[in-house]
N, C-alpha and C. Protein backbone atom coordinates (compact mmCIF):
# COMPACT_ATOMS: atom_id res chain seq x y z
N UNK A 1 -6.18 16.23 -38.80
CA UNK A 1 -6.47 17.58 -38.69
C UNK A 1 -5.87 18.29 -39.92
N UNK A 2 -6.61 19.09 -40.49
CA UNK A 2 -6.10 19.95 -41.62
C UNK A 2 -6.27 21.46 -41.24
N UNK A 3 -5.56 22.27 -41.95
CA UNK A 3 -5.70 23.68 -41.73
C UNK A 3 -6.54 24.29 -42.82
N UNK A 4 -7.42 25.20 -42.43
CA UNK A 4 -8.30 25.83 -43.40
C UNK A 4 -7.47 26.81 -44.15
N UNK A 5 -7.64 27.00 -45.50
CA UNK A 5 -6.78 27.94 -46.23
C UNK A 5 -6.82 29.37 -45.69
N UNK A 6 -7.95 29.81 -45.15
CA UNK A 6 -8.03 31.17 -44.64
C UNK A 6 -7.80 31.30 -43.10
N UNK A 7 -7.76 30.17 -42.45
CA UNK A 7 -7.53 30.16 -41.03
C UNK A 7 -6.18 29.47 -40.68
N UNK A 8 -5.54 29.92 -39.60
CA UNK A 8 -4.24 29.24 -39.26
C UNK A 8 -4.56 28.18 -38.17
N UNK A 9 -5.68 28.13 -37.64
CA UNK A 9 -5.92 27.09 -36.57
C UNK A 9 -6.41 25.84 -37.27
N UNK A 10 -5.97 24.69 -36.83
CA UNK A 10 -6.44 23.41 -37.44
C UNK A 10 -7.93 23.17 -37.19
N UNK A 11 -8.55 22.68 -38.09
CA UNK A 11 -9.99 22.25 -37.94
C UNK A 11 -10.13 20.84 -38.44
N UNK A 12 -11.24 20.16 -38.03
CA UNK A 12 -11.47 18.82 -38.50
C UNK A 12 -12.19 18.92 -39.84
N UNK A 13 -11.71 18.15 -40.83
CA UNK A 13 -12.30 18.15 -42.05
C UNK A 13 -12.34 16.70 -42.59
N UNK A 14 -13.55 16.24 -42.98
CA UNK A 14 -13.70 14.91 -43.47
C UNK A 14 -12.86 14.56 -44.72
N UNK A 15 -12.58 15.57 -45.49
CA UNK A 15 -11.76 15.37 -46.70
C UNK A 15 -10.30 15.05 -46.33
N UNK A 16 -9.83 15.53 -45.16
CA UNK A 16 -8.48 15.32 -44.78
C UNK A 16 -8.39 14.08 -43.85
N UNK A 17 -9.48 13.40 -43.58
CA UNK A 17 -9.47 12.26 -42.63
C UNK A 17 -8.68 11.08 -43.23
N UNK A 18 -7.69 10.63 -42.46
CA UNK A 18 -6.86 9.49 -42.93
C UNK A 18 -7.49 8.19 -42.42
N UNK A 19 -8.20 7.51 -43.35
CA UNK A 19 -8.90 6.30 -42.93
C UNK A 19 -7.92 5.23 -42.65
N UNK A 20 -6.84 5.11 -43.38
CA UNK A 20 -5.82 4.03 -43.12
C UNK A 20 -5.21 4.14 -41.75
N UNK A 21 -4.82 5.32 -41.38
CA UNK A 21 -4.23 5.51 -40.00
C UNK A 21 -5.30 5.19 -38.93
N UNK A 22 -6.52 5.58 -39.15
CA UNK A 22 -7.57 5.32 -38.16
C UNK A 22 -7.84 3.80 -38.10
N UNK A 23 -7.89 3.10 -39.17
CA UNK A 23 -8.09 1.63 -39.17
C UNK A 23 -6.92 0.96 -38.59
N UNK A 24 -5.70 1.42 -38.81
CA UNK A 24 -4.55 0.74 -38.14
C UNK A 24 -4.62 0.94 -36.61
N UNK A 25 -5.07 2.10 -36.23
CA UNK A 25 -5.20 2.37 -34.79
C UNK A 25 -6.23 1.46 -34.14
N UNK A 26 -7.33 1.29 -34.86
CA UNK A 26 -8.38 0.35 -34.40
C UNK A 26 -7.88 -1.15 -34.32
N UNK A 27 -7.10 -1.54 -35.25
CA UNK A 27 -6.54 -2.89 -35.25
C UNK A 27 -5.65 -3.11 -34.05
N UNK A 28 -4.77 -2.12 -33.78
CA UNK A 28 -3.84 -2.12 -32.64
C UNK A 28 -4.62 -2.17 -31.37
N UNK A 29 -5.72 -1.35 -31.31
CA UNK A 29 -6.45 -1.25 -30.05
C UNK A 29 -7.20 -2.65 -29.86
N UNK A 30 -7.74 -3.33 -30.85
CA UNK A 30 -8.47 -4.48 -30.81
C UNK A 30 -7.50 -5.62 -30.38
N UNK A 31 -6.25 -5.67 -30.94
CA UNK A 31 -5.24 -6.65 -30.52
C UNK A 31 -4.80 -6.48 -29.09
N UNK A 32 -4.72 -5.20 -28.66
CA UNK A 32 -4.38 -4.94 -27.27
C UNK A 32 -5.40 -5.44 -26.34
N UNK A 33 -6.68 -5.21 -26.63
CA UNK A 33 -7.77 -5.78 -25.84
C UNK A 33 -7.79 -7.24 -25.78
N UNK A 34 -7.61 -7.90 -26.90
CA UNK A 34 -7.61 -9.33 -26.92
C UNK A 34 -6.42 -9.92 -26.14
N UNK A 35 -5.33 -9.32 -26.24
CA UNK A 35 -4.16 -9.77 -25.48
C UNK A 35 -4.37 -9.58 -23.97
N UNK A 36 -4.93 -8.36 -23.64
CA UNK A 36 -5.15 -8.17 -22.16
C UNK A 36 -6.17 -9.15 -21.61
N UNK A 37 -7.23 -9.34 -22.35
CA UNK A 37 -8.26 -10.32 -21.88
C UNK A 37 -7.72 -11.75 -21.84
N UNK A 38 -6.88 -12.13 -22.73
CA UNK A 38 -6.30 -13.52 -22.65
C UNK A 38 -5.39 -13.73 -21.50
N UNK A 39 -4.88 -12.72 -20.93
CA UNK A 39 -4.11 -12.88 -19.69
C UNK A 39 -4.92 -13.35 -18.50
N UNK A 40 -6.21 -12.97 -18.47
CA UNK A 40 -7.11 -13.26 -17.43
C UNK A 40 -7.84 -14.52 -17.56
N UNK A 41 -7.80 -15.18 -18.72
CA UNK A 41 -8.48 -16.40 -18.86
C UNK A 41 -7.73 -17.55 -18.23
N UNK A 42 -8.41 -18.55 -17.68
CA UNK A 42 -7.74 -19.64 -17.02
C UNK A 42 -6.92 -20.46 -17.96
N UNK A 43 -5.74 -20.86 -17.58
CA UNK A 43 -4.90 -21.62 -18.44
C UNK A 43 -5.30 -23.12 -18.40
N UNK A 44 -5.16 -23.85 -19.47
CA UNK A 44 -5.43 -25.25 -19.43
C UNK A 44 -4.18 -25.97 -19.14
N UNK A 45 -4.20 -26.70 -18.06
CA UNK A 45 -2.97 -27.34 -17.56
C UNK A 45 -2.85 -28.79 -18.17
N UNK A 46 -3.77 -29.20 -19.02
CA UNK A 46 -3.73 -30.53 -19.52
C UNK A 46 -2.57 -30.69 -20.50
N UNK A 47 -1.72 -31.60 -20.27
CA UNK A 47 -0.52 -31.82 -21.05
C UNK A 47 -0.89 -32.64 -22.35
N UNK A 48 -0.17 -32.53 -23.38
CA UNK A 48 -0.48 -33.26 -24.60
C UNK A 48 -0.44 -34.80 -24.42
N UNK A 49 0.46 -35.23 -23.54
CA UNK A 49 0.52 -36.73 -23.34
C UNK A 49 -0.71 -37.28 -22.57
N UNK A 50 -1.52 -36.38 -21.89
CA UNK A 50 -2.70 -36.84 -21.16
C UNK A 50 -3.92 -36.93 -22.09
N UNK A 51 -3.90 -36.27 -23.21
CA UNK A 51 -5.08 -36.22 -24.10
C UNK A 51 -5.43 -37.65 -24.63
N UNK A 52 -6.73 -37.90 -24.69
CA UNK A 52 -7.21 -39.16 -25.23
C UNK A 52 -7.36 -38.98 -26.72
N UNK A 53 -7.22 -40.09 -27.40
CA UNK A 53 -7.39 -40.00 -28.90
C UNK A 53 -8.79 -39.96 -29.38
N UNK A 54 -9.74 -40.47 -28.61
CA UNK A 54 -11.15 -40.37 -28.96
C UNK A 54 -11.66 -38.98 -28.56
N UNK A 55 -12.09 -38.15 -29.44
CA UNK A 55 -12.58 -36.80 -29.10
C UNK A 55 -13.76 -36.75 -28.09
N UNK A 56 -14.62 -37.78 -28.19
CA UNK A 56 -15.75 -37.83 -27.34
C UNK A 56 -15.39 -38.13 -25.90
N UNK A 57 -14.45 -39.08 -25.76
CA UNK A 57 -13.94 -39.42 -24.45
C UNK A 57 -13.15 -38.20 -23.83
N UNK A 58 -12.43 -37.53 -24.71
CA UNK A 58 -11.65 -36.33 -24.26
C UNK A 58 -12.59 -35.30 -23.74
N UNK A 59 -13.71 -35.05 -24.50
CA UNK A 59 -14.72 -34.02 -24.14
C UNK A 59 -15.27 -34.41 -22.70
N UNK A 60 -15.57 -35.68 -22.50
CA UNK A 60 -16.10 -36.15 -21.24
C UNK A 60 -15.03 -36.00 -20.13
N UNK A 61 -13.82 -36.23 -20.48
CA UNK A 61 -12.73 -36.10 -19.48
C UNK A 61 -12.60 -34.59 -19.09
N UNK A 62 -12.70 -33.72 -20.09
CA UNK A 62 -12.62 -32.33 -19.78
C UNK A 62 -13.81 -31.87 -18.90
N UNK A 63 -14.98 -32.30 -19.23
CA UNK A 63 -16.19 -31.95 -18.44
C UNK A 63 -16.04 -32.51 -17.03
N UNK A 64 -15.55 -33.68 -16.88
CA UNK A 64 -15.32 -34.20 -15.44
C UNK A 64 -14.23 -33.44 -14.72
N UNK A 65 -13.17 -33.11 -15.47
CA UNK A 65 -12.11 -32.42 -14.77
C UNK A 65 -12.48 -30.98 -14.36
N UNK A 66 -13.46 -30.43 -15.06
CA UNK A 66 -13.93 -29.10 -14.75
C UNK A 66 -14.77 -29.04 -13.42
N UNK A 67 -15.25 -30.17 -13.00
CA UNK A 67 -16.08 -30.25 -11.78
C UNK A 67 -15.30 -30.76 -10.53
N UNK A 68 -14.10 -31.14 -10.76
CA UNK A 68 -13.24 -31.71 -9.71
C UNK A 68 -12.27 -30.67 -9.22
N UNK A 69 -12.19 -30.54 -7.94
CA UNK A 69 -11.33 -29.53 -7.28
C UNK A 69 -9.85 -30.10 -7.21
N UNK A 70 -8.92 -29.20 -7.47
CA UNK A 70 -7.51 -29.60 -7.18
C UNK A 70 -7.35 -29.53 -5.67
N UNK A 71 -6.89 -30.63 -5.01
CA UNK A 71 -6.78 -30.66 -3.60
C UNK A 71 -5.54 -29.81 -3.11
N UNK A 72 -4.63 -29.40 -3.96
CA UNK A 72 -3.52 -28.58 -3.69
C UNK A 72 -3.89 -27.06 -3.76
N UNK A 73 -4.55 -26.74 -4.89
CA UNK A 73 -4.83 -25.26 -5.12
C UNK A 73 -6.16 -24.96 -4.49
N UNK A 74 -7.06 -25.82 -4.32
CA UNK A 74 -8.33 -25.75 -3.62
C UNK A 74 -9.39 -24.81 -4.23
N UNK A 75 -8.98 -23.84 -5.07
CA UNK A 75 -9.99 -23.01 -5.74
C UNK A 75 -9.91 -23.17 -7.28
N UNK A 76 -9.26 -24.13 -7.76
CA UNK A 76 -9.13 -24.40 -9.17
C UNK A 76 -9.58 -25.81 -9.46
N UNK A 77 -10.11 -25.96 -10.67
CA UNK A 77 -10.42 -27.28 -11.09
C UNK A 77 -9.12 -28.03 -11.43
N UNK A 78 -9.20 -29.37 -11.49
CA UNK A 78 -8.00 -30.15 -11.83
C UNK A 78 -7.57 -29.90 -13.35
N UNK A 79 -8.56 -29.40 -14.11
CA UNK A 79 -8.31 -29.07 -15.53
C UNK A 79 -7.42 -27.77 -15.63
N UNK A 80 -7.50 -26.91 -14.65
CA UNK A 80 -6.74 -25.62 -14.63
C UNK A 80 -5.49 -25.68 -13.82
N UNK A 81 -5.29 -26.68 -13.05
CA UNK A 81 -4.15 -26.75 -12.14
C UNK A 81 -2.95 -27.43 -12.73
N UNK A 82 -1.84 -26.90 -12.38
CA UNK A 82 -0.51 -27.57 -12.75
C UNK A 82 0.07 -28.45 -11.69
N UNK A 83 -0.64 -28.61 -10.55
CA UNK A 83 -0.07 -29.39 -9.44
C UNK A 83 0.03 -30.83 -9.87
N UNK A 84 1.00 -31.57 -9.39
CA UNK A 84 1.22 -33.05 -9.66
C UNK A 84 -0.04 -33.88 -9.27
N UNK A 85 -0.63 -33.51 -8.16
CA UNK A 85 -1.84 -34.26 -7.73
C UNK A 85 -3.03 -34.03 -8.72
N UNK A 86 -3.16 -32.84 -9.26
CA UNK A 86 -4.15 -32.55 -10.22
C UNK A 86 -3.92 -33.44 -11.50
N UNK A 87 -2.62 -33.53 -11.90
CA UNK A 87 -2.28 -34.31 -13.05
C UNK A 87 -2.71 -35.80 -12.79
N UNK A 88 -2.35 -36.30 -11.59
CA UNK A 88 -2.71 -37.68 -11.21
C UNK A 88 -4.23 -37.89 -11.34
N UNK A 89 -5.03 -36.87 -10.84
CA UNK A 89 -6.47 -37.00 -10.88
C UNK A 89 -6.98 -37.02 -12.40
N UNK A 90 -6.35 -36.16 -13.17
CA UNK A 90 -6.73 -36.06 -14.62
C UNK A 90 -6.46 -37.45 -15.29
N UNK A 91 -5.31 -38.01 -14.96
CA UNK A 91 -4.98 -39.38 -15.51
C UNK A 91 -5.88 -40.44 -15.00
N UNK A 92 -6.33 -40.31 -13.73
CA UNK A 92 -7.21 -41.28 -13.11
C UNK A 92 -8.62 -41.19 -13.79
N UNK A 93 -9.05 -39.94 -14.10
CA UNK A 93 -10.30 -39.77 -14.78
C UNK A 93 -10.27 -40.38 -16.19
N UNK A 94 -9.16 -40.17 -16.95
CA UNK A 94 -9.04 -40.70 -18.24
C UNK A 94 -8.87 -42.25 -18.24
N UNK A 95 -8.22 -42.75 -17.24
CA UNK A 95 -8.09 -44.16 -17.13
C UNK A 95 -9.48 -44.85 -16.92
N UNK A 96 -10.27 -44.27 -16.10
CA UNK A 96 -11.61 -44.81 -15.76
C UNK A 96 -12.55 -44.68 -16.98
N UNK A 97 -12.34 -43.57 -17.71
CA UNK A 97 -13.14 -43.40 -18.97
C UNK A 97 -12.77 -44.53 -19.95
N UNK A 98 -11.47 -44.84 -20.12
CA UNK A 98 -11.04 -45.96 -21.06
C UNK A 98 -11.66 -47.28 -20.58
N UNK A 99 -11.87 -47.40 -19.31
CA UNK A 99 -12.50 -48.70 -18.83
C UNK A 99 -14.01 -48.79 -19.15
N UNK A 100 -14.52 -47.68 -19.54
CA UNK A 100 -15.96 -47.65 -19.93
C UNK A 100 -16.95 -47.29 -18.85
N UNK A 101 -16.45 -46.73 -17.79
CA UNK A 101 -17.38 -46.30 -16.71
C UNK A 101 -18.07 -45.05 -17.07
N UNK A 102 -19.25 -44.82 -16.46
CA UNK A 102 -20.07 -43.62 -16.75
C UNK A 102 -19.50 -42.50 -15.97
N UNK A 103 -19.92 -41.26 -16.28
CA UNK A 103 -19.51 -40.11 -15.52
C UNK A 103 -19.88 -40.21 -14.06
N UNK A 104 -21.05 -40.66 -13.70
CA UNK A 104 -21.50 -40.78 -12.35
C UNK A 104 -20.58 -41.79 -11.61
N UNK A 105 -20.31 -42.86 -12.28
CA UNK A 105 -19.47 -43.90 -11.62
C UNK A 105 -18.04 -43.37 -11.31
N UNK A 106 -17.54 -42.60 -12.23
CA UNK A 106 -16.19 -42.02 -12.08
C UNK A 106 -16.23 -40.99 -10.90
N UNK A 107 -17.22 -40.14 -10.90
CA UNK A 107 -17.31 -39.16 -9.80
C UNK A 107 -17.53 -39.85 -8.47
N UNK A 108 -18.32 -40.91 -8.41
CA UNK A 108 -18.45 -41.63 -7.17
C UNK A 108 -17.22 -42.28 -6.71
N UNK A 109 -16.46 -42.83 -7.64
CA UNK A 109 -15.14 -43.42 -7.32
C UNK A 109 -14.22 -42.41 -6.69
N UNK A 110 -14.11 -41.31 -7.33
CA UNK A 110 -13.19 -40.23 -6.91
C UNK A 110 -13.62 -39.65 -5.56
N UNK A 111 -14.95 -39.45 -5.37
CA UNK A 111 -15.47 -38.99 -4.09
C UNK A 111 -15.15 -40.04 -3.03
N UNK A 112 -15.40 -41.31 -3.33
CA UNK A 112 -15.12 -42.32 -2.31
C UNK A 112 -13.62 -42.38 -1.93
N UNK A 113 -12.79 -42.08 -2.87
CA UNK A 113 -11.37 -42.13 -2.61
C UNK A 113 -10.84 -40.84 -1.89
N UNK A 114 -11.37 -39.67 -2.31
CA UNK A 114 -10.82 -38.35 -1.77
C UNK A 114 -11.74 -37.62 -0.89
N UNK A 115 -13.07 -38.00 -0.78
CA UNK A 115 -14.04 -37.23 -0.01
C UNK A 115 -14.75 -36.24 -0.88
N UNK A 116 -15.82 -35.74 -0.36
CA UNK A 116 -16.67 -34.79 -1.14
C UNK A 116 -15.95 -33.43 -1.30
N UNK A 117 -14.97 -33.12 -0.60
CA UNK A 117 -14.23 -31.89 -0.82
C UNK A 117 -13.71 -31.79 -2.18
N UNK A 118 -13.48 -32.94 -2.89
CA UNK A 118 -12.88 -32.92 -4.26
C UNK A 118 -13.86 -32.33 -5.25
N UNK A 119 -15.12 -32.23 -4.89
CA UNK A 119 -16.14 -31.65 -5.79
C UNK A 119 -16.11 -30.18 -5.70
N UNK A 120 -16.04 -29.46 -6.87
CA UNK A 120 -16.06 -27.98 -6.79
C UNK A 120 -17.48 -27.58 -6.33
N UNK A 121 -18.47 -28.31 -6.70
CA UNK A 121 -19.82 -28.02 -6.35
C UNK A 121 -20.31 -29.14 -5.51
N UNK A 122 -20.48 -29.04 -4.17
CA UNK A 122 -20.81 -30.15 -3.37
C UNK A 122 -22.31 -30.61 -3.72
N UNK A 123 -22.47 -31.91 -3.55
CA UNK A 123 -23.81 -32.42 -3.79
C UNK A 123 -24.81 -31.93 -2.62
N UNK A 124 -25.99 -31.79 -3.16
CA UNK A 124 -27.14 -31.38 -2.20
C UNK A 124 -27.61 -32.60 -1.44
N UNK A 125 -27.23 -32.70 -0.17
CA UNK A 125 -27.56 -33.85 0.62
C UNK A 125 -27.81 -33.37 2.01
N UNK A 126 -28.17 -34.21 2.94
CA UNK A 126 -28.47 -33.82 4.33
C UNK A 126 -27.25 -33.33 5.01
N UNK A 127 -26.15 -33.91 4.74
CA UNK A 127 -24.85 -33.46 5.41
C UNK A 127 -24.34 -32.12 4.82
N UNK A 128 -24.83 -31.68 3.70
CA UNK A 128 -24.36 -30.39 3.08
C UNK A 128 -25.50 -29.41 3.07
N UNK A 129 -26.57 -29.75 3.82
CA UNK A 129 -27.75 -28.83 3.83
C UNK A 129 -27.41 -27.49 4.35
N UNK A 130 -26.62 -27.45 5.47
CA UNK A 130 -26.28 -26.13 6.07
C UNK A 130 -25.41 -25.30 5.06
N UNK A 131 -24.57 -26.00 4.34
CA UNK A 131 -23.74 -25.28 3.36
C UNK A 131 -24.56 -24.65 2.30
N UNK A 132 -25.56 -25.37 1.79
CA UNK A 132 -26.48 -24.81 0.76
C UNK A 132 -27.46 -23.76 1.24
N UNK A 133 -27.94 -23.91 2.50
CA UNK A 133 -28.93 -23.03 2.94
C UNK A 133 -28.39 -21.84 3.75
N UNK A 134 -27.04 -21.90 4.06
CA UNK A 134 -26.52 -20.75 4.89
C UNK A 134 -26.71 -19.40 4.22
N UNK A 135 -26.59 -19.25 2.90
CA UNK A 135 -26.83 -17.86 2.35
C UNK A 135 -28.23 -17.42 2.63
N UNK A 136 -29.23 -18.32 2.50
CA UNK A 136 -30.56 -17.87 2.78
C UNK A 136 -30.84 -17.63 4.21
N UNK A 137 -30.23 -18.40 5.12
CA UNK A 137 -30.33 -18.15 6.52
C UNK A 137 -29.64 -16.77 6.94
N UNK A 138 -28.47 -16.49 6.39
CA UNK A 138 -27.87 -15.23 6.66
C UNK A 138 -28.69 -14.03 6.09
N UNK A 139 -29.33 -14.18 4.98
CA UNK A 139 -30.10 -13.12 4.39
C UNK A 139 -31.36 -12.95 5.32
N UNK A 140 -31.92 -13.99 5.74
CA UNK A 140 -33.14 -13.91 6.62
C UNK A 140 -32.77 -13.28 7.94
N UNK A 141 -31.63 -13.58 8.47
CA UNK A 141 -31.15 -12.97 9.72
C UNK A 141 -30.93 -11.49 9.55
N UNK A 142 -30.29 -11.12 8.48
CA UNK A 142 -30.06 -9.73 8.19
C UNK A 142 -31.33 -8.93 7.99
N UNK A 143 -32.32 -9.47 7.35
CA UNK A 143 -33.59 -8.82 7.19
C UNK A 143 -34.33 -8.65 8.50
N UNK A 144 -34.35 -9.72 9.34
CA UNK A 144 -34.96 -9.68 10.63
C UNK A 144 -34.28 -8.62 11.53
N UNK A 145 -32.95 -8.57 11.51
CA UNK A 145 -32.17 -7.57 12.27
C UNK A 145 -32.51 -6.15 11.81
N UNK A 146 -32.61 -5.94 10.51
CA UNK A 146 -32.92 -4.59 10.00
C UNK A 146 -34.31 -4.25 10.41
N UNK A 147 -35.28 -5.14 10.28
CA UNK A 147 -36.69 -4.78 10.60
C UNK A 147 -36.79 -4.49 12.10
N UNK A 148 -36.10 -5.20 12.95
CA UNK A 148 -36.21 -5.01 14.36
C UNK A 148 -35.61 -3.61 14.73
N UNK A 149 -34.53 -3.32 14.07
CA UNK A 149 -33.81 -2.00 14.32
C UNK A 149 -34.72 -0.89 13.90
N UNK A 150 -35.29 -0.94 12.78
CA UNK A 150 -36.18 0.07 12.24
C UNK A 150 -37.45 0.18 13.05
N UNK A 151 -37.98 -0.96 13.51
CA UNK A 151 -39.24 -0.90 14.32
C UNK A 151 -38.94 -0.27 15.59
N UNK A 152 -37.78 -0.56 16.25
CA UNK A 152 -37.50 0.07 17.48
C UNK A 152 -37.35 1.62 17.36
N UNK A 153 -36.74 2.03 16.28
CA UNK A 153 -36.59 3.49 16.09
C UNK A 153 -37.92 4.12 15.87
N UNK A 154 -38.76 3.57 15.12
CA UNK A 154 -40.07 4.13 14.84
C UNK A 154 -41.13 4.02 15.94
N UNK A 155 -40.87 3.06 16.81
CA UNK A 155 -41.88 2.75 17.91
C UNK A 155 -41.91 3.94 18.94
N UNK A 156 -43.12 4.42 19.09
CA UNK A 156 -43.25 5.55 20.06
C UNK A 156 -43.11 5.17 21.52
N UNK A 157 -43.28 3.88 21.76
CA UNK A 157 -43.31 3.40 23.17
C UNK A 157 -41.87 3.47 23.69
N UNK A 158 -40.88 3.55 22.84
CA UNK A 158 -39.47 3.57 23.31
C UNK A 158 -39.18 4.89 23.95
N UNK A 159 -39.69 5.98 23.35
CA UNK A 159 -39.52 7.37 23.85
C UNK A 159 -40.83 7.86 24.35
N UNK A 160 -41.19 7.61 25.64
CA UNK A 160 -42.52 8.08 26.09
C UNK A 160 -42.64 9.59 26.05
N UNK A 161 -43.87 10.04 25.75
CA UNK A 161 -44.16 11.49 25.78
C UNK A 161 -44.45 11.89 27.24
N UNK A 162 -43.54 12.61 27.84
CA UNK A 162 -43.68 12.95 29.28
C UNK A 162 -43.59 14.39 29.47
N UNK A 163 -44.52 14.95 30.18
CA UNK A 163 -44.55 16.40 30.54
C UNK A 163 -43.83 16.55 31.82
N UNK A 164 -43.19 17.74 32.00
CA UNK A 164 -42.53 18.10 33.35
C UNK A 164 -43.58 18.40 34.34
N UNK A 165 -43.26 18.03 35.58
CA UNK A 165 -44.10 18.46 36.65
C UNK A 165 -43.82 19.93 36.91
N UNK A 166 -44.67 20.60 37.71
CA UNK A 166 -44.56 22.02 38.00
C UNK A 166 -43.17 22.27 38.72
N UNK A 167 -42.89 21.41 39.60
CA UNK A 167 -41.55 21.57 40.41
C UNK A 167 -40.37 21.46 39.38
N UNK A 168 -40.41 20.46 38.50
CA UNK A 168 -39.34 20.31 37.48
C UNK A 168 -39.20 21.47 36.57
N UNK A 169 -40.42 21.98 36.16
CA UNK A 169 -40.40 23.17 35.23
C UNK A 169 -39.87 24.40 35.98
N UNK A 170 -40.18 24.53 37.21
CA UNK A 170 -39.67 25.70 38.04
C UNK A 170 -38.17 25.58 38.15
N UNK A 171 -37.60 24.37 38.39
CA UNK A 171 -36.16 24.14 38.53
C UNK A 171 -35.45 24.47 37.20
N UNK A 172 -36.06 24.04 36.10
CA UNK A 172 -35.48 24.35 34.81
C UNK A 172 -35.50 25.82 34.47
N UNK A 173 -36.54 26.53 34.83
CA UNK A 173 -36.58 27.97 34.55
C UNK A 173 -35.50 28.70 35.39
N UNK A 174 -35.33 28.27 36.66
CA UNK A 174 -34.28 28.86 37.51
C UNK A 174 -32.85 28.66 36.92
N UNK A 175 -32.64 27.44 36.40
CA UNK A 175 -31.30 27.12 35.87
C UNK A 175 -31.11 28.02 34.60
N UNK A 176 -32.11 28.14 33.72
CA UNK A 176 -32.03 28.90 32.58
C UNK A 176 -31.80 30.39 32.85
N UNK A 177 -32.46 30.96 33.87
CA UNK A 177 -32.30 32.34 34.26
C UNK A 177 -30.94 32.59 34.88
N UNK A 178 -30.44 31.62 35.60
CA UNK A 178 -29.09 31.84 36.15
C UNK A 178 -28.04 31.77 35.05
N UNK A 179 -28.21 30.95 34.08
CA UNK A 179 -27.27 30.90 32.99
C UNK A 179 -27.28 32.17 32.18
N UNK A 180 -28.45 32.70 31.88
CA UNK A 180 -28.56 33.93 31.08
C UNK A 180 -28.09 35.14 31.89
N UNK A 181 -28.27 35.15 33.17
CA UNK A 181 -27.81 36.27 34.03
C UNK A 181 -26.27 36.27 34.05
N UNK A 182 -25.67 35.08 34.09
CA UNK A 182 -24.20 35.04 34.08
C UNK A 182 -23.62 35.50 32.78
N UNK A 183 -24.31 35.18 31.61
CA UNK A 183 -23.81 35.53 30.30
C UNK A 183 -24.05 37.02 30.01
N UNK A 184 -25.00 37.66 30.62
CA UNK A 184 -25.29 39.09 30.33
C UNK A 184 -24.09 39.97 30.57
N UNK A 185 -23.39 39.96 31.77
CA UNK A 185 -22.30 40.87 31.93
C UNK A 185 -21.18 40.68 30.92
N UNK A 186 -20.94 39.45 30.48
CA UNK A 186 -19.93 39.15 29.52
C UNK A 186 -20.20 39.77 28.23
N UNK A 187 -21.56 39.73 27.80
CA UNK A 187 -21.96 40.28 26.55
C UNK A 187 -21.78 41.81 26.62
N UNK A 188 -22.14 42.46 27.75
CA UNK A 188 -22.02 43.89 27.88
C UNK A 188 -20.57 44.33 27.82
N UNK A 189 -19.70 43.55 28.52
CA UNK A 189 -18.29 43.86 28.53
C UNK A 189 -17.73 43.82 27.15
N UNK A 190 -18.04 42.87 26.34
CA UNK A 190 -17.56 42.77 24.97
C UNK A 190 -18.06 43.87 24.11
N UNK A 191 -19.33 44.37 24.38
CA UNK A 191 -19.85 45.47 23.61
C UNK A 191 -19.09 46.78 23.82
N UNK A 192 -18.70 46.89 25.14
CA UNK A 192 -17.87 48.10 25.55
C UNK A 192 -16.54 48.12 24.84
N UNK A 193 -15.98 47.03 24.59
CA UNK A 193 -14.68 47.00 23.88
C UNK A 193 -14.78 47.43 22.46
N UNK A 194 -15.89 47.19 21.83
CA UNK A 194 -16.10 47.52 20.46
C UNK A 194 -16.31 48.98 20.37
């Protein structure tokens, strides 16, 4: 902000704009954002002594570790977990890779040893069919419930159109006349007070 020579109030002027200060502010803001976002990224728990020397095998090991669940943490892959059991599973995967097994053979071995729960994404099979189809079943049940609720509200047969008989109409008129007759003296009394 600069002051105009004839005015005492500061005004914005492009000639007085400090580009260095602005660029420093942007750099600080960008670094702050990067630092804040890096706090939320998952940490890699793989220790340097676990890494394989062959980069292709290491990439396969990382890919396999990303689909295996830590049995201690249960919502993390073994690649992200610091638990000792996750470390053991990572070492087991790398050991099997060194033996020359395929990814499918390694996964089958680990599933046979620990059960299908070890997979972060369960296989689509007859025994996991309910797990995979339950979101669709719940969505269908919700739609059916909503349709039946709105159909009941809109249906005219729920609230039948019924006229009062002459006797019922006469009783209603008598009740209304009695109620207004009782209220009349109260209204008059309140008018007198005014």
